[in-house]
Amino acid sequence: MIAKIRFVVLIFFPSLLQGQSASTLMGARAAGMGYASAGLTDEWAYFNNIGGIGKQKVASGSFAYEIKPALTGANRMAASFLAPIKWGVAGVGVFRFGDEVYNEHLFSVGFGNTIGHTSLGFKTNYIQYRAEGFGQHSAISFDLGGITQLTKQFSIGAYITNLTQSKLNSVNAEPLPTKLVAGFSFRPSDQILLATELEKDLLYRATWRSGIEYALYKKIFFRTGFNLNPNAAFFGLGVLKKNMKIDYVIRFNQLTGTVHQASAVYQVPIKPAP
């Protein structure tokens, strides 16, 4: 069984041989929109465009889990906590991909702040990965992002992962992926949100992601999106109830089959001043 998993990784996922190879984009809301999240300022901006966390007004805890039934050992999970402080918004997060044969872990701390119409964020990551028979290696990387609200309806966002092009502390000093992402979000009405973005890994072709969110009574959300290179389709559903946000998404891809992700966000209620 282990040999089969290695064969799949080597043949179909050669990028997994690089550090922090698994995508750290998380959150079923963003996933429901095809991960077109460069212009989104929700809690999951911590794992997507770190620049978006500067818009958060209350403390929150988030958790997400993704399952790939057709590919054993390729599940992902993430959790974060955000808290407004005197000078902005601080956050901590953890991410895991894989199983005992191959796994990746990411531990991070981030900070964001809003200046005028622009929200900026910065994140430091400690990345650790382990492959059976190859030992354990690690690296430290830095992410930078920002989102500017040009009008009430239109926002643009951009971010870069692995800003310093860090490398693993291995014999070959393999570089971590460096990605540049830019996109925008457009809200033509209170019920509809459109988003699109382009991602360029320095070593691979560009990926195009787009999605749409439709709000029903501001409590129930329907989402769909798509990706090109690799091609994938997404369909999601979200529910907002008091201080809880619960979201689910299913992704369809010819190579990996269906992928399921569920996420939840709890916003800490603000106590009224005495």
Protein backbone atom coordinates (compact mmCIF):
# COMPACT_ATOMS: atom_id res chain seq x y z
CA MET A 1 0.00 0.00 0.00
CA ILE A 2 2.84 2.39 0.88
CA ALA A 3 4.49 1.69 -2.47
CA LYS A 4 1.26 2.54 -4.29
CA ILE A 5 0.96 5.85 -2.47
CA ARG A 6 4.53 6.74 -3.32
CA PHE A 7 3.91 5.89 -6.96
CA VAL A 8 0.88 8.20 -7.08
CA VAL A 9 2.84 11.01 -5.42
CA LEU A 10 5.82 10.66 -7.77
CA ILE A 11 3.82 10.36 -10.98
CA PHE A 12 0.84 12.64 -10.44
CA PHE A 13 2.04 15.08 -7.78
CA PRO A 14 5.72 15.81 -8.40
CA SER A 15 5.31 19.20 -6.71
CA LEU A 16 4.78 17.37 -3.41
CA LEU A 17 8.50 16.68 -3.40
CA GLN A 18 9.07 20.36 -2.59
CA GLY A 19 8.68 21.79 0.87
CA GLN A 20 5.28 23.23 1.76
CA SER A 21 4.04 21.63 -1.45
CA ALA A 22 0.44 21.13 -0.39
CA SER A 23 -1.80 24.12 -0.94
CA THR A 24 -2.49 25.99 2.29
CA LEU A 25 -5.56 27.74 0.88
CA MET A 26 -8.32 26.80 3.34
CA GLY A 27 -11.87 27.60 4.37
CA ALA A 28 -15.01 26.15 2.79
CA ARG A 29 -16.31 29.62 1.96
CA ALA A 30 -13.30 30.46 -0.21
CA ALA A 31 -13.27 26.91 -1.60
CA GLY A 32 -16.92 27.21 -2.62
CA MET A 33 -15.86 30.15 -4.78
CA GLY A 34 -13.02 28.21 -6.37
CA TYR A 35 -10.52 29.65 -3.85
CA ALA A 36 -10.77 33.04 -5.58
CA SER A 37 -9.93 34.64 -2.24
CA ALA A 38 -7.38 37.39 -2.98
CA GLY A 39 -10.05 40.04 -2.36
CA LEU A 40 -11.86 38.41 0.58
CA THR A 41 -11.52 39.78 4.11
CA ASP A 42 -13.12 37.01 6.18
CA GLU A 43 -11.43 34.97 8.93
CA TRP A 44 -9.93 32.52 6.42
CA ALA A 45 -7.86 35.32 4.93
CA TYR A 46 -5.28 34.14 7.46
CA PHE A 47 -4.55 31.12 5.24
CA ASN A 48 -5.40 32.80 1.94
CA ASN A 49 -4.55 36.51 1.56
CA ILE A 50 -3.07 37.45 4.94
CA GLY A 51 -3.76 41.09 4.12
CA GLY A 52 -7.47 40.50 4.74
CA ILE A 53 -7.20 39.88 8.50
CA GLY A 54 -6.72 43.59 9.15
CA LYS A 55 -10.48 44.05 8.60
CA GLN A 56 -11.48 41.78 11.48
CA LYS A 57 -13.34 43.54 14.30
CA VAL A 58 -13.84 40.69 16.80
CA ALA A 59 -11.81 37.74 18.04
CA SER A 60 -12.53 34.46 16.31
CA GLY A 61 -11.50 30.82 16.14
CA SER A 62 -11.63 28.83 12.90
CA PHE A 63 -11.26 25.15 11.99
CA ALA A 64 -11.42 23.32 8.66
CA TYR A 65 -10.96 19.72 7.54
CA GLU A 66 -10.70 18.41 3.98
CA ILE A 67 -11.05 14.78 2.86
CA LYS A 68 -9.94 13.21 -0.43
CA PRO A 69 -11.66 9.79 -0.51
CA ALA A 70 -9.87 8.74 -3.72
CA LEU A 71 -6.39 9.54 -2.39
CA THR A 72 -5.65 8.02 0.99
CA GLY A 73 -3.28 10.08 3.10
CA ALA A 74 -3.87 13.39 1.31
CA ASN A 75 -6.29 14.99 3.77
CA ARG A 76 -5.74 18.53 5.04
CA MET A 77 -6.70 20.40 8.19
CA ALA A 78 -6.20 23.93 9.50
CA ALA A 79 -7.05 25.99 12.56
CA SER A 80 -6.46 29.62 13.51
CA PHE A 81 -7.26 32.21 16.13
CA LEU A 82 -7.51 35.94 15.40
CA ALA A 83 -7.72 38.74 17.95
CA PRO A 84 -7.92 42.52 17.49
CA ILE A 85 -5.25 44.28 19.53
CA LYS A 86 -4.27 47.91 20.05
CA TRP A 87 -2.26 48.21 16.84
CA GLY A 88 -4.22 45.91 14.53
CA VAL A 89 -5.15 42.22 14.41
CA ALA A 90 -2.88 39.38 15.56
CA GLY A 91 -3.28 35.73 14.60
CA VAL A 92 -1.81 32.26 15.08
CA GLY A 93 -2.48 29.20 12.95
CA VAL A 94 -1.60 25.58 12.30
CA PHE A 95 -1.90 23.49 9.14
CA ARG A 96 -1.35 19.80 8.42
CA PHE A 97 -1.31 17.72 5.24
CA GLY A 98 -0.70 14.01 4.78
CA ASP A 99 -0.33 10.88 6.90
CA GLU A 100 2.48 8.85 8.46
CA VAL A 101 4.08 8.14 5.08
CA TYR A 102 4.32 11.78 4.00
CA ASN A 103 3.20 14.83 5.94
CA GLU A 104 3.64 18.57 6.12
CA HIS A 105 3.06 20.88 9.06
CA LEU A 106 2.91 24.65 9.19
CA PHE A 107 2.91 26.79 12.34
CA SER A 108 2.48 30.52 11.81
CA VAL A 109 1.99 33.89 13.46
CA GLY A 110 0.57 36.85 11.60
CA PHE A 111 -0.38 40.49 11.96
CA GLY A 112 -2.66 42.78 9.97
CA ASN A 113 -3.80 46.38 10.10
CA THR A 114 -6.04 48.71 8.14
CA ILE A 115 -4.75 52.05 6.90
CA GLY A 116 -7.44 54.08 5.20
CA HIS A 117 -9.08 51.87 2.59
CA THR A 118 -6.20 49.35 2.55
CA SER A 119 -5.70 46.32 4.76
CA LEU A 120 -2.15 44.95 4.98
CA GLY A 121 -0.90 41.73 6.56
CA PHE A 122 2.33 39.85 7.23
CA LYS A 123 2.86 36.25 8.32
CA THR A 124 5.85 34.20 9.48
CA ASN A 125 5.69 30.44 8.90
CA TYR A 126 7.67 27.57 10.37
CA ILE A 127 7.31 24.72 7.86
CA GLN A 128 8.18 21.14 8.62
CA TYR A 129 7.81 18.14 6.37
CA ARG A 130 8.59 14.47 6.71
CA ALA A 131 8.73 11.65 4.16
CA GLU A 132 9.23 8.06 5.22
CA GLY A 133 12.78 7.06 4.42
CA PHE A 134 13.91 10.65 3.79
CA GLY A 135 13.81 12.08 7.30
CA GLN A 136 12.44 15.41 8.51
CA HIS A 137 13.29 18.89 7.22
CA SER A 138 12.12 22.41 7.93
CA ALA A 139 12.31 26.04 6.89
CA ILE A 140 11.01 29.49 7.80
CA SER A 141 9.12 31.55 5.23
CA PHE A 142 7.32 34.89 5.09
CA ASP A 143 4.05 35.92 3.41
CA LEU A 144 2.87 39.43 2.60
CA GLY A 145 -0.50 40.60 1.33
CA GLY A 146 -2.90 43.49 0.98
CA ILE A 147 -6.46 44.38 -0.02
CA THR A 148 -7.68 47.80 -1.11
CA GLN A 149 -11.37 48.72 -1.21
CA LEU A 150 -11.65 51.08 -4.16
CA THR A 151 -15.42 51.54 -3.82
CA LYS A 152 -18.19 49.99 -1.73
CA GLN A 153 -18.64 47.38 -4.46
CA PHE A 154 -15.10 46.79 -5.75
CA SER A 155 -11.92 45.56 -4.02
CA ILE A 156 -8.56 44.43 -5.31
CA GLY A 157 -6.12 42.18 -3.52
CA ALA A 158 -2.65 40.73 -3.99
CA TYR A 159 -0.25 38.63 -1.97
CA ILE A 160 2.99 36.71 -2.19
CA THR A 161 3.96 33.52 -0.38
CA ASN A 162 7.57 32.78 0.55
CA LEU A 163 8.60 36.38 0.00
CA THR A 164 12.30 35.68 0.70
CA GLN A 165 12.40 32.48 -1.42
CA SER A 166 13.47 30.41 1.58
CA LYS A 167 14.95 26.93 1.21
CA LEU A 168 14.72 23.75 3.24
CA ASN A 169 17.49 22.85 5.65
CA SER A 170 18.25 19.70 3.63
CA VAL A 171 21.37 18.59 1.80
CA ASN A 172 20.00 19.77 -1.52
CA ALA A 173 18.52 22.97 0.01
CA GLU A 174 15.33 22.62 -2.04
CA PRO A 175 13.49 25.96 -2.42
CA LEU A 176 9.99 26.39 -1.08
CA PRO A 177 7.35 27.38 -3.64
CA THR A 178 7.04 31.11 -4.23
CA LYS A 179 3.63 32.24 -5.49
CA LEU A 180 2.30 35.58 -6.67
CA VAL A 181 -1.48 36.07 -6.58
CA ALA A 182 -3.62 39.03 -7.67
CA GLY A 183 -7.37 39.39 -8.05
CA PHE A 184 -10.48 41.35 -7.24
CA SER A 185 -13.96 40.99 -5.78
CA PHE A 186 -17.08 42.79 -6.99
CA ARG A 187 -20.41 43.08 -5.19
CA PRO A 188 -23.08 44.27 -7.66
CA SER A 189 -25.76 43.91 -4.96
CA ASP A 190 -26.11 42.95 -1.30
CA GLN A 191 -26.87 39.36 -2.34
CA ILE A 192 -24.19 38.69 -4.94
CA LEU A 193 -20.40 38.57 -4.65
CA LEU A 194 -18.14 37.87 -7.64
CA ALA A 195 -14.42 37.10 -7.36
CA THR A 196 -11.58 36.16 -9.68
CA GLU A 197 -7.80 35.91 -9.44
CA LEU A 198 -4.60 34.68 -11.11
CA GLU A 199 -1.89 32.74 -9.32
CA LYS A 200 1.63 32.32 -10.69
CA ASP A 201 4.03 29.87 -9.11
CA LEU A 202 7.56 30.73 -10.20
CA LEU A 203 8.04 27.16 -11.45
CA TYR A 204 4.64 26.42 -13.00
CA ARG A 205 2.02 27.84 -15.34
CA ALA A 206 -0.52 30.36 -14.04
CA THR A 207 -3.76 29.20 -12.43
CA TRP A 208 -7.05 31.07 -12.94
CA ARG A 209 -9.68 30.91 -10.21
CA SER A 210 -13.18 32.43 -10.22
CA GLY A 211 -16.33 32.11 -8.14
CA ILE A 212 -19.65 33.56 -7.10
CA GLU A 213 -21.55 33.72 -3.81
CA TYR A 214 -25.29 34.29 -3.52
CA ALA A 215 -26.79 35.25 -0.15
CA LEU A 216 -30.34 34.24 0.72
CA TYR A 217 -31.76 36.36 3.58
CA LYS A 218 -28.14 37.03 4.67
CA LYS A 219 -28.22 33.71 6.55
CA ILE A 220 -27.83 31.06 3.85
CA PHE A 221 -25.19 31.20 1.13
CA PHE A 222 -24.88 29.33 -2.15
CA ARG A 223 -21.51 29.26 -3.91
CA THR A 224 -19.89 27.91 -7.03
CA GLY A 225 -16.55 28.37 -8.76
CA PHE A 226 -13.98 26.90 -11.09
CA ASN A 227 -10.22 26.62 -11.62
CA LEU A 228 -8.22 26.38 -14.83
CA ASN A 229 -4.81 24.64 -14.68
CA PRO A 230 -5.55 22.40 -12.92
CA ASN A 231 -9.21 22.23 -13.90
CA ALA A 232 -11.74 21.83 -11.12
CA ALA A 233 -15.35 22.72 -10.30
CA PHE A 234 -16.65 23.73 -6.86
CA PHE A 235 -20.09 23.85 -5.23
CA GLY A 236 -20.66 25.08 -1.69
CA LEU A 237 -23.22 25.98 0.96
CA GLY A 238 -22.92 28.19 4.03
CA VAL A 239 -25.04 29.02 7.06
CA LEU A 240 -24.70 31.97 9.41
CA LYS A 241 -26.26 31.56 12.85
CA LYS A 242 -25.55 34.16 15.52
CA ASN A 243 -21.80 33.94 16.12
CA MET A 244 -21.24 30.78 14.09
CA LYS A 245 -20.35 30.40 10.41
CA ILE A 246 -20.61 26.86 9.07
CA ASP A 247 -19.62 26.09 5.48
CA TYR A 248 -19.31 23.02 3.27
CA VAL A 249 -17.91 22.54 -0.25
CA ILE A 250 -17.44 19.70 -2.71
CA ARG A 251 -14.81 19.86 -5.43
CA PHE A 252 -14.73 17.84 -8.63
CA ASN A 253 -11.48 17.04 -10.41
CA GLN A 254 -10.72 14.31 -12.97
CA LEU A 255 -7.51 13.30 -11.23
CA THR A 256 -8.47 13.33 -7.54
CA GLY A 257 -12.23 12.73 -7.91
CA THR A 258 -14.46 14.42 -5.36
CA VAL A 259 -12.99 16.35 -2.45
CA HIS A 260 -15.02 17.43 0.59
CA GLN A 261 -14.24 20.25 2.99
CA ALA A 262 -16.15 21.56 5.99
CA SER A 263 -15.20 24.58 8.08
CA ALA A 264 -16.54 26.49 11.05
CA VAL A 265 -15.83 29.93 12.49
CA TYR A 266 -16.84 31.09 15.95
CA GLN A 267 -16.81 34.81 16.59
CA VAL A 268 -16.34 35.82 20.21
CA PRO A 269 -19.26 38.08 21.21
CA ILE A 270 -18.37 41.64 22.14
CA LYS A 271 -19.49 42.50 25.66
CA PRO A 272 -21.25 45.85 25.92
CA ALA A 273 -19.37 48.53 27.80
CA PRO A 274 -20.57 49.00 31.43
